[in-house]
Amino acid sequence: MASLENVDLPRQNSTNVKFAVIGAGWAGCAAAVELTRRGGQVTLLEAARTAGGRARRVQHEGYHLDNGQHILLGAYRDTLRLMQIVGITPSQALLRLPLQMRYPAGSDGMEFIAGRLPAPLHLLYALLTSRGLSVADKLSLARFSSAARWMKWQLDVDCSVTELLERFEQTERLIQLMWRPLCISALNTPPERASAKVFLKTLGDSLGAARSASDMLLPTRDLSALFPDAAINYIEKRGGKAHLGVHVRALNQQTYQWQITDDDFDECFDKVIVATPAYAAQTLLAPLNTALSDALNFTYEPITTCYLKYHSSVRLAAPFFALRDHAESAQWGQFVFDRGQLDTAQAGLLAVVISASTNASALGQAALAQAVAHQLAKVFQRKELASPEWAWIITEKRATFACEPNLRRPPNETALNNLWLAGDYTEGDYPATIEGAVRSGLQAASLALQ
């Protein structure tokens, strides 16, 4: 199968079918690439001027930044495969690091770094060489990992992540330093409200799989350049069309086709994949099917990224570190990334991520930036970090759905003929992640091609 990844499949009957994909986020781009690869006539429509959706490029002070700093995992097999198909070499576009939970030295944190050994020995190495954990903490971690493997990383009856951790008698320190930050970063939902079933599945695809699946992949280019830009180029080179800046105002069902209209766009298509965020799809589809629109009604969680620019000589000891957040002490940051170690043109630029950031973002940009800068200065014991040259904060208010226990998510198929949904919110094992979006896009394309 690997030999076919970079070639187009033989064209089939889909060459006479006109496909429209609404939304050029990662789900929409994945669907459009798959349809194109399998011979479809594809038109990709995007309201924004930049492809990528909620994982896209933004520009500030001459820098190509992102609307949210992301970490990919080696387990993201479909994302990595599609990147190769559109001409992106993952080894050149991503910095691959072993699984790690590493706090700044002297910050009362921990250091847990997987070894370059076959699974599960890589995790045993991390456990034996970890620092900042007591014997009780290590035994607690080993007990959880062993039980999860025995359960095949599956949970029949869902509950909160907090309940799951209590069930397996995890120590308070291990929860604070390991499980809570992993849960918030993966599900963007606090553990007391997060789905244990989804959390376990996510851990199983990384911790419970081959060593390479647990590797952390840090983009060395902006998120739009990582896949969406190349996806559009791939589509257009094969006769497809991509229209940026087209905000679809209405979908009208004709006898055999769908009419898509905007102020400057009006065209009919045989099949349509709606790959916008759920809240946008809800608005678009409400006039067509009330039940479908109601199924897209989610509770959302924000993600905030705080960019802090220092002198180009400022550098951290590693590409990224975990941080202990503590709202009562005005410490909001959960992870900090040294962008200069990912792209030398961004030397001196740090990105601090705050997931589930409702309370943090309520402070206002100036106050939050100051608090984050002081947090860095304190935990790294470096006074210069308290005074950045400039700060810029991006809050994606509806970054992901709140991934709560027993959450019902809609399937890709809908009650509307020749119309499918694609997005990280659709039915699936993954939370709202890039891989979840890509898999949903591929599934929607497969259904449309049937």
Protein backbone atom coordinates (compact mmCIF):
# COMPACT_ATOMS: atom_id res chain seq x y z
CA MET A 1 0.00 0.00 0.00
CA ALA A 2 2.85 2.37 0.76
CA SER A 3 3.94 2.23 -2.87
CA LEU A 4 0.62 3.79 -3.91
CA GLU A 5 0.67 6.69 -1.47
CA ASN A 6 2.31 9.16 -3.83
CA VAL A 7 0.49 8.23 -7.02
CA ASP A 8 -3.02 8.97 -8.21
CA LEU A 9 -5.43 6.07 -8.36
CA PRO A 10 -6.92 5.23 -11.76
CA ARG A 11 -9.80 7.53 -12.64
CA GLN A 12 -13.21 5.96 -12.21
CA ASN A 13 -16.78 7.06 -12.83
CA SER A 14 -16.31 9.96 -10.41
CA THR A 15 -14.73 11.96 -13.26
CA ASN A 16 -18.24 12.98 -14.33
CA VAL A 17 -19.33 13.97 -10.85
CA LYS A 18 -18.88 17.53 -9.58
CA PHE A 19 -17.89 17.64 -5.92
CA ALA A 20 -17.94 20.75 -3.74
CA VAL A 21 -16.09 20.87 -0.43
CA ILE A 22 -17.12 23.83 1.74
CA GLY A 23 -14.34 24.74 4.14
CA ALA A 24 -10.57 24.54 3.59
CA GLY A 25 -9.57 23.54 7.09
CA TRP A 26 -7.70 20.29 7.60
CA ALA A 27 -10.86 18.19 7.24
CA GLY A 28 -11.92 19.96 4.05
CA CYS A 29 -8.44 19.80 2.54
CA ALA A 30 -8.18 16.10 3.40
CA ALA A 31 -11.54 15.41 1.74
CA ALA A 32 -10.65 17.46 -1.34
CA VAL A 33 -7.27 15.74 -1.75
CA GLU A 34 -8.83 12.29 -1.43
CA LEU A 35 -11.58 13.11 -3.94
CA THR A 36 -9.00 14.51 -6.37
CA ARG A 37 -6.67 11.55 -5.91
CA ARG A 38 -9.52 9.24 -6.83
CA GLY A 39 -10.51 11.12 -9.96
CA GLY A 40 -13.17 13.55 -8.77
CA GLN A 41 -13.82 17.04 -10.14
CA VAL A 42 -13.36 19.09 -7.00
CA THR A 43 -14.13 22.69 -6.09
CA LEU A 44 -12.90 23.79 -2.67
CA LEU A 45 -14.56 26.85 -1.12
CA GLU A 46 -13.20 28.77 1.87
CA ALA A 47 -14.52 31.92 3.53
CA ALA A 48 -11.11 33.05 4.82
CA ARG A 49 -8.21 34.24 2.70
CA THR A 50 -5.92 31.65 4.25
CA ALA A 51 -6.46 27.89 4.25
CA GLY A 52 -6.19 25.85 7.43
CA GLY A 53 -9.32 26.71 9.42
CA ARG A 54 -8.61 26.73 13.15
CA ALA A 55 -5.06 25.52 12.49
CA ARG A 56 -3.82 28.15 10.05
CA ARG A 57 -1.15 30.76 9.44
CA VAL A 58 -1.47 34.26 10.85
CA GLN A 59 0.95 37.15 10.38
CA HIS A 60 2.20 39.62 12.94
CA GLU A 61 5.23 41.94 13.01
CA GLY A 62 6.54 40.28 9.85
CA TYR A 63 6.38 36.77 11.32
CA HIS A 64 4.43 33.81 9.97
CA LEU A 65 2.80 32.53 13.15
CA ASP A 66 -0.15 30.25 13.90
CA ASN A 67 -3.54 30.88 15.43
CA GLY A 68 -2.59 28.18 17.92
CA GLN A 69 0.66 26.34 18.61
CA HIS A 70 0.20 22.63 17.86
CA ILE A 71 1.94 19.36 18.64
CA LEU A 72 1.30 16.42 16.32
CA LEU A 73 1.96 12.81 17.29
CA GLY A 74 3.66 9.98 15.48
CA ALA A 75 0.31 8.19 15.76
CA TYR A 76 -1.23 10.67 13.29
CA ARG A 77 -0.83 8.21 10.45
CA ASP A 78 -3.44 9.68 8.10
CA THR A 79 -2.16 13.22 8.52
CA LEU A 80 1.43 12.15 7.83
CA ARG A 81 0.33 10.06 4.83
CA LEU A 82 -1.62 12.93 3.26
CA MET A 83 1.27 15.32 3.81
CA GLN A 84 3.45 12.99 1.74
CA ILE A 85 0.79 12.70 -0.97
CA VAL A 86 0.69 16.47 -1.50
CA GLY A 87 4.48 16.75 -1.52
CA ILE A 88 5.36 17.61 2.08
CA THR A 89 8.17 15.53 3.61
CA PRO A 90 7.31 15.06 7.30
CA SER A 91 10.95 14.68 8.35
CA GLN A 92 11.67 18.13 6.90
CA ALA A 93 8.49 19.86 8.10
CA LEU A 94 8.33 18.42 11.62
CA LEU A 95 10.85 18.19 14.46
CA ARG A 96 10.47 14.68 15.89
CA LEU A 97 11.07 14.35 19.63
CA PRO A 98 10.55 11.38 21.95
CA LEU A 99 7.48 11.48 24.17
CA GLN A 100 8.24 13.76 27.09
CA MET A 101 6.77 15.70 29.95
CA ARG A 102 9.54 18.06 30.92
CA TYR A 103 9.34 21.04 33.27
CA PRO A 104 11.94 23.80 33.68
CA ALA A 105 14.76 22.91 36.07
CA GLY A 106 14.11 24.16 39.57
CA SER A 107 10.36 24.62 39.04
CA ASP A 108 9.27 21.71 41.27
CA GLY A 109 8.22 19.80 38.18
CA MET A 110 9.34 16.52 36.68
CA GLU A 111 11.30 15.15 33.74
CA PHE A 112 9.90 12.13 31.92
CA ILE A 113 11.51 11.39 28.54
CA ALA A 114 10.94 8.17 26.57
CA GLY A 115 13.97 6.25 25.39
CA ARG A 116 14.84 5.25 21.85
CA LEU A 117 13.83 1.67 22.51
CA PRO A 118 11.06 -0.61 21.20
CA ALA A 119 7.69 -0.32 22.94
CA PRO A 120 7.00 -0.72 25.80
CA LEU A 121 10.66 -0.54 26.85
CA HIS A 122 10.79 3.13 25.82
CA LEU A 123 8.27 3.96 28.55
CA LEU A 124 10.00 1.74 31.11
CA TYR A 125 13.20 3.67 30.40
CA ALA A 126 11.36 6.96 30.92
CA LEU A 127 9.91 5.72 34.19
CA LEU A 128 13.24 4.46 35.55
CA THR A 129 15.17 7.60 34.56
CA SER A 130 12.45 10.13 35.43
CA ARG A 131 13.20 12.90 37.88
CA GLY A 132 10.88 14.73 40.22
CA LEU A 133 8.67 11.71 40.94
CA SER A 134 8.67 9.73 44.16
CA VAL A 135 8.60 5.95 44.30
CA ALA A 136 4.87 6.16 45.01
CA ASP A 137 4.36 8.33 41.92
CA LYS A 138 6.27 5.89 39.72
CA LEU A 139 4.37 2.89 41.04
CA SER A 140 1.14 4.78 40.45
CA LEU A 141 2.09 5.46 36.84
CA ALA A 142 3.15 1.86 36.26
CA ARG A 143 -0.12 0.60 37.73
CA PHE A 144 -2.18 2.83 35.46
CA SER A 145 -0.23 1.89 32.33
CA SER A 146 -0.43 -1.83 33.06
CA ALA A 147 -4.17 -1.69 33.73
CA ALA A 148 -4.82 0.38 30.61
CA ARG A 149 -2.89 -2.13 28.48
CA TRP A 150 -4.85 -4.98 29.99
CA MET A 151 -8.06 -3.08 29.12
CA LYS A 152 -6.68 -2.52 25.60
CA TRP A 153 -7.04 1.22 26.23
CA GLN A 154 -10.83 0.91 26.04
CA LEU A 155 -13.59 1.83 28.43
CA ASP A 156 -17.07 0.35 28.09
CA VAL A 157 -18.83 2.81 30.39
CA ASP A 158 -17.68 6.40 30.06
CA CYS A 159 -16.90 8.66 32.99
CA SER A 160 -14.75 11.71 33.65
CA VAL A 161 -10.98 11.52 33.48
CA THR A 162 -10.85 12.54 37.15
CA GLU A 163 -13.03 9.54 38.07
CA LEU A 164 -10.82 7.24 36.02
CA LEU A 165 -7.66 8.48 37.73
CA GLU A 166 -9.25 8.09 41.15
CA ARG A 167 -10.29 4.56 40.25
CA PHE A 168 -6.66 3.69 39.55
CA GLU A 169 -5.42 5.50 42.66
CA GLN A 170 -3.18 7.95 40.89
CA THR A 171 -1.16 10.18 43.20
CA GLU A 172 -2.02 13.87 43.38
CA ARG A 173 1.44 14.88 42.17
CA LEU A 174 1.27 12.57 39.16
CA ILE A 175 -2.17 13.91 38.28
CA GLN A 176 -0.94 17.49 38.43
CA LEU A 177 2.32 16.95 36.54
CA MET A 178 1.35 14.27 34.01
CA TRP A 179 -2.31 13.37 33.57
CA ARG A 180 -3.93 16.79 33.90
CA PRO A 181 -1.69 18.54 31.33
CA LEU A 182 -1.98 15.58 28.95
CA CYS A 183 -5.76 15.61 29.25
CA ILE A 184 -6.09 19.36 28.76
CA SER A 185 -3.69 19.44 25.80
CA ALA A 186 -5.28 16.45 24.06
CA LEU A 187 -8.98 17.05 24.77
CA ASN A 188 -8.94 20.80 25.57
CA THR A 189 -11.26 19.96 28.45
CA PRO A 190 -10.40 19.91 32.18
CA PRO A 191 -10.14 16.34 33.55
CA GLU A 192 -13.11 16.78 35.87
CA ARG A 193 -15.29 17.28 32.76
CA ALA A 194 -13.34 15.33 30.12
CA SER A 195 -14.31 11.96 28.64
CA ALA A 196 -12.21 9.14 30.05
CA LYS A 197 -13.15 6.94 27.08
CA VAL A 198 -11.72 9.37 24.53
CA PHE A 199 -8.70 10.10 26.73
CA LEU A 200 -7.86 6.39 27.01
CA LYS A 201 -8.24 5.90 23.26
CA THR A 202 -5.90 8.80 22.58
CA LEU A 203 -3.34 7.42 25.03
CA GLY A 204 -3.67 3.96 23.50
CA ASP A 205 -2.82 5.18 20.01
CA SER A 206 0.33 6.81 21.34
CA LEU A 207 1.52 5.25 24.62
CA GLY A 208 0.03 1.87 23.82
CA ALA A 209 1.39 1.56 20.28
CA ALA A 210 4.83 1.40 18.68
CA ARG A 211 7.48 3.76 20.04
CA SER A 212 7.35 6.00 16.99
CA ALA A 213 3.60 6.51 17.52
CA SER A 214 4.30 8.25 20.83
CA ASP A 215 6.83 10.67 19.32
CA MET A 216 5.93 14.35 19.53
CA LEU A 217 6.10 16.23 16.21
CA LEU A 218 6.61 20.00 16.30
CA PRO A 219 5.94 21.93 13.07
CA THR A 220 8.97 23.78 11.72
CA ARG A 221 6.80 25.83 9.37
CA ASP A 222 3.47 27.58 9.80
CA LEU A 223 0.37 25.40 9.95
CA SER A 224 -1.02 26.47 6.57
CA ALA A 225 2.28 25.60 4.90
CA LEU A 226 2.35 22.27 6.74
CA PHE A 227 -0.50 20.82 4.64
CA PRO A 228 -3.40 23.08 3.50
CA ASP A 229 -1.38 25.23 1.06
CA ALA A 230 0.16 22.13 -0.53
CA ALA A 231 -3.27 20.45 -0.64
CA ILE A 232 -4.69 23.34 -2.66
CA ASN A 233 -1.72 23.21 -5.03
CA TYR A 234 -2.25 19.45 -5.42
CA ILE A 235 -5.93 19.95 -6.26
CA GLU A 236 -5.37 22.77 -8.75
CA LYS A 237 -2.58 20.93 -10.58
CA ARG A 238 -5.05 18.11 -11.24
CA GLY A 239 -7.78 20.31 -12.65
CA GLY A 240 -9.62 21.15 -9.44
CA LYS A 241 -10.49 24.63 -8.24
CA ALA A 242 -9.96 26.40 -4.93
CA HIS A 243 -11.76 29.64 -4.11
CA LEU A 244 -10.59 31.53 -1.02
CA GLY A 245 -12.66 34.42 0.30
CA VAL A 246 -15.97 32.80 -0.73
CA HIS A 247 -18.40 32.81 2.17
CA VAL A 248 -21.17 30.39 1.25
CA ARG A 249 -24.46 32.10 2.06
CA ALA A 250 -26.91 29.40 1.08
CA LEU A 251 -27.27 25.78 0.01
CA ASN A 252 -30.31 25.08 -2.14
CA GLN A 253 -31.33 21.55 -2.98
CA GLN A 254 -32.32 21.21 -6.62
CA THR A 255 -33.84 18.10 -8.21
CA TYR A 256 -30.51 16.34 -8.73
CA GLN A 257 -27.93 18.88 -7.59
CA TRP A 258 -26.96 21.35 -4.90
CA GLN A 259 -26.81 25.06 -5.70
CA ILE A 260 -24.14 26.94 -3.73
CA THR A 261 -24.35 30.71 -3.64
CA ASP A 262 -22.30 33.61 -2.38
CA ASP A 263 -22.32 37.31 -3.32
CA ASP A 264 -19.93 36.52 -6.19
CA PHE A 265 -20.41 32.77 -6.59
CA ASP A 266 -23.29 30.69 -7.93
CA GLU A 267 -22.75 27.14 -9.12
CA CYS A 268 -24.40 23.72 -8.96
CA PHE A 269 -22.74 20.49 -7.79
CA ASP A 270 -23.69 16.84 -7.70
CA LYS A 271 -22.30 16.12 -4.24
CA VAL A 272 -21.33 18.37 -1.34
CA ILE A 273 -19.15 17.92 1.74
CA VAL A 274 -19.68 20.54 4.41
CA ALA A 275 -16.32 20.82 6.18
CA THR A 276 -16.81 24.05 8.08
CA PRO A 277 -16.64 24.22 11.90
CA ALA A 278 -19.76 22.77 13.51
CA TYR A 279 -21.19 26.16 14.46
CA ALA A 280 -20.88 27.40 10.86
CA ALA A 281 -22.39 24.18 9.50
CA GLN A 282 -25.25 24.58 11.94
CA THR A 283 -26.12 28.00 10.54
CA LEU A 284 -25.75 26.86 6.93
CA LEU A 285 -27.86 23.71 7.33
CA ALA A 286 -30.59 25.04 9.65
CA PRO A 287 -32.94 26.00 6.76
CA LEU A 288 -32.57 22.52 5.25
CA ASN A 289 -32.92 20.15 8.21
CA THR A 290 -33.70 21.24 11.77
CA ALA A 291 -32.74 17.91 13.34
CA LEU A 292 -29.36 17.96 11.62
CA SER A 293 -28.77 21.52 12.72
CA ASP A 294 -29.67 20.63 16.31
CA ALA A 295 -27.16 17.75 16.26
CA LEU A 296 -24.41 20.30 15.65
CA ASN A 297 -25.10 22.21 18.84
CA PHE A 298 -21.94 21.82 20.96
CA THR A 299 -20.44 23.46 24.00
CA TYR A 300 -17.04 24.92 23.10
CA GLU A 301 -13.70 25.46 24.80
CA PRO A 302 -11.21 28.19 23.83
CA ILE A 303 -7.45 27.94 23.35
CA THR A 304 -5.16 30.92 23.84
CA THR A 305 -1.64 31.31 22.49
CA CYS A 306 0.53 34.09 23.89
CA TYR A 307 3.48 35.09 21.69
CA LEU A 308 6.34 36.86 23.48
CA LYS A 309 9.23 38.33 21.47
CA TYR A 310 12.64 38.79 23.07
CA HIS A 311 16.13 39.52 21.78
CA SER A 312 17.23 36.91 19.24
CA SER A 313 19.81 35.61 21.73
CA VAL A 314 17.09 34.37 24.09
CA ARG A 315 16.86 30.59 23.89
CA LEU A 316 15.40 27.86 26.09
CA ALA A 317 17.25 24.67 27.00
CA ALA A 318 14.78 22.57 24.95
CA PRO A 319 12.26 23.19 22.15
CA PHE A 320 9.36 23.10 24.59
CA PHE A 321 8.57 22.71 28.28
CA ALA A 322 5.48 21.96 30.32
CA LEU A 323 4.43 24.60 32.85
CA ARG A 324 2.36 24.28 36.02
CA ASP A 325 -0.71 26.45 35.72
CA HIS A 326 -2.21 27.86 38.88
CA ALA A 327 -4.92 30.47 38.41
CA GLU A 328 -4.82 31.63 42.03
CA SER A 329 -1.16 32.62 41.55
CA ALA A 330 -1.82 34.20 38.13
CA GLN A 331 0.15 31.42 36.42
CA TRP A 332 -1.82 30.55 33.30
CA GLY A 333 0.68 29.02 30.87
CA GLN A 334 0.62 25.24 30.40
CA PHE A 335 3.29 24.77 27.72
CA VAL A 336 5.96 27.06 26.29
CA PHE A 337 7.59 26.59 22.88
CA ASP A 338 10.86 28.10 21.70
CA ARG A 339 9.91 29.00 18.10
CA GLY A 340 13.54 29.84 17.33
CA GLN A 341 14.44 26.17 17.70
CA LEU A 342 11.77 25.28 15.16
CA ASP A 343 12.57 28.09 12.70
CA THR A 344 15.84 30.04 13.04
CA ALA A 345 14.14 33.11 11.53
CA GLN A 346 12.03 33.29 14.71
CA ALA A 347 14.90 33.29 17.22
CA GLY A 348 13.84 34.89 20.49
CA LEU A 349 10.13 34.20 19.99
CA LEU A 350 8.33 32.11 22.61
CA ALA A 351 4.78 30.77 22.32
CA VAL A 352 2.87 29.95 25.49
CA VAL A 353 -0.26 27.81 25.17
CA ILE A 354 -3.27 27.95 27.49
CA SER A 355 -5.90 25.31 26.72
CA ALA A 356 -9.45 25.54 28.09
CA SER A 357 -8.61 29.21 28.53
CA THR A 358 -11.97 30.77 29.44
CA ASN A 359 -10.77 32.30 32.71
CA ALA A 360 -7.37 33.31 31.38
CA SER A 361 -8.71 35.10 28.31
CA ALA A 362 -11.17 37.04 30.48
CA LEU A 363 -8.22 38.98 31.94
CA GLY A 364 -7.72 40.93 28.73
CA GLN A 365 -4.71 40.78 26.43
CA ALA A 366 -2.40 43.19 28.24
CA ALA A 367 -2.93 41.72 31.70
CA LEU A 368 -2.64 38.13 30.47
CA ALA A 369 0.55 38.83 28.50
CA GLN A 370 2.12 40.44 31.56
CA ALA A 371 1.10 37.53 33.78
CA VAL A 372 2.52 34.97 31.35
CA ALA A 373 5.81 36.87 31.00
CA HIS A 374 6.19 37.00 34.79
CA GLN A 375 5.38 33.29 35.01
CA LEU A 376 8.19 32.49 32.57
CA ALA A 377 10.63 34.74 34.41
CA LYS A 378 9.82 32.96 37.67
CA VAL A 379 9.90 29.32 36.55
CA PHE A 380 13.01 29.72 34.38
CA GLN A 381 14.66 32.04 36.93
CA ARG A 382 15.51 34.54 34.17
CA LYS A 383 14.58 38.15 34.83
CA GLU A 384 14.79 39.17 31.16
CA LEU A 385 11.76 37.01 30.37
CA ALA A 386 9.56 39.41 32.36
CA SER A 387 10.09 42.16 29.76
CA PRO A 388 9.43 41.04 26.16
CA GLU A 389 9.93 43.46 23.27
CA TRP A 390 6.33 42.84 22.27
CA ALA A 391 3.51 40.46 23.11
CA TRP A 392 0.61 39.25 21.02
CA ILE A 393 -2.26 37.06 22.13
CA ILE A 394 -4.57 34.96 19.97
CA THR A 395 -7.65 33.37 21.50
CA GLU A 396 -9.63 30.93 19.39
CA LYS A 397 -12.90 31.20 21.30
CA ARG A 398 -14.47 28.07 19.82
CA ALA A 399 -11.30 26.11 19.26
CA THR A 400 -12.80 22.70 20.06
CA PHE A 401 -15.96 21.13 21.38
CA ALA A 402 -15.93 20.29 25.08
CA CYS A 403 -15.04 16.59 25.00
CA GLU A 404 -17.33 15.42 27.80
CA PRO A 405 -18.40 11.88 28.77
CA ASN A 406 -21.03 10.22 26.57
CA LEU A 407 -21.04 13.13 24.13
CA ARG A 408 -23.09 12.34 21.04
CA ARG A 409 -21.34 13.39 17.85
CA PRO A 410 -23.01 13.29 14.42
CA PRO A 411 -21.86 10.83 11.75
CA ASN A 412 -20.48 11.95 8.40
CA GLU A 413 -23.68 10.82 6.71
CA THR A 414 -26.72 13.07 6.86
CA ALA A 415 -30.42 12.75 6.02
CA LEU A 416 -29.83 15.06 3.06
CA ASN A 417 -29.15 13.34 -0.24
CA ASN A 418 -25.60 13.70 -1.53
CA LEU A 419 -24.48 15.86 1.37
CA TRP A 420 -21.96 14.81 4.04
CA LEU A 421 -20.27 16.38 7.05
CA ALA A 422 -16.53 16.51 7.72
CA GLY A 423 -14.81 17.97 10.74
CA ASP A 424 -13.06 17.13 14.00
CA TYR A 425 -16.49 17.12 15.70
CA THR A 426 -17.98 14.18 13.77
CA GLU A 427 -18.35 10.68 15.16
CA GLY A 428 -14.97 9.10 15.84
CA ASP A 429 -12.47 7.87 18.40
CA TYR A 430 -10.37 11.03 18.48
CA PRO A 431 -11.03 14.34 20.21
CA ALA A 432 -10.93 17.61 18.28
CA THR A 433 -7.42 17.28 16.87
CA ILE A 434 -5.77 17.64 13.47
CA GLU A 435 -5.77 13.87 13.06
CA GLY A 436 -9.45 13.71 13.99
CA ALA A 437 -10.24 16.32 11.35
CA VAL A 438 -8.19 14.55 8.68
CA ARG A 439 -9.78 11.18 9.38
CA SER A 440 -13.24 12.71 9.20
CA GLY A 441 -12.40 14.33 5.86
CA LEU A 442 -11.18 11.03 4.44
CA GLN A 443 -14.30 9.21 5.67
CA ALA A 444 -16.60 11.85 4.14
CA ALA A 445 -14.75 11.60 0.81
CA SER A 446 -15.01 7.81 0.84
CA LEU A 447 -18.76 8.00 1.41
CA ALA A 448 -19.21 10.61 -1.31
CA LEU A 449 -17.30 8.47 -3.79
CA GLN A 450 -19.61 5.50 -3.17
